[in-house]
């Protein structure tokens, strides 16, 4: 019986060729893999970048261009045809001998005083509350929630509530101070006159200090408890522990916190606008409201834009000086 032998079938390409092709396929990833590895992070950042351009960068550039034009109500419909005035709007804004420049300088002084008081009190209240709530006691969680309530409330709802409370005839502030405690001879006007500055500071501090409390409380939780225990064994009191342990350990948190509070407070527009309306009293004429009046009340967008650019330059300068000073202080303390 004759057996039939079937010859082996040769595969196309040698083994070496197949090995080279497999290695080449492994070395060259597919196009979707390249996009996923290299381009996906940029694709995920693209929506945020587009929103940043639309919300901040593009309006800022348009505002800078407007500051060099005589953009009044005559050119609102076609502001591109407004005459080019170069630096005339800036000269008008910084001419402190003229009424417009004098009013801007007064607004700048009021804003500086308002910022210093608000940031200082917000940090002080936040620090005191954060230190107090570090110890375990019954109701600590409830107090934390209550302290953070002003930060969680919408700004307009909170400030409108304060505006009702500051009413002269039927507000709760005068009802407590005059009717119940008898601390004043007659009900006070809180939303006009010199008292308007006090009302503005009260609302701003009430709205800002919970953020300071939240930041400082998070920073305090990173300080080892062993440091306080060792200091207590050595005989250090509460004030010595705060001065020697708490404040030095919170220096990085305080550097960021003070800068953020300064920028937020100096640029605050919602609080005075909701509290006083379009025309704030002279004692509470913050620079944000002043720029708004110069732009949208008098319809002089060129001068208002120049004031906004000057405010931007001032804040950039203060921020740069602050960062340089704090970085040098941090390096000096680290060298010691």
Foldseek 3Di string as FASTA:
>chain_A
DDDDDDDDDDDPDDPVVVVVVVVVPVVDDDPVVCCVVPVPVVVVCVVVVVCCCVPPVVVLVVLVQLLQFQQFPVCPVPVVPTHGRGCPLVCVCCPCVDPNVVLLVLQAVLLVVLLVLLLVLLLVVLLVLLVVLPDDDPCSVVVLVVLCVLQPDDPLVLLLLLLQLQDQPDHVVQCCCPVPVNVDPGGDRCQEDQNVSVSLSVSSNSNRNSVSNVLLNVQVVPFDPVVVVVCVVVPDDPVRCCVPPSCVSCLVSVLVSSLVSSVCSLQDDSNQCSNHNLDGYSSNNHSNSSLCCCCPVRRRSNSSSSSVVVVVVVSVVVVVVSVVVSVVVVVVVVVD
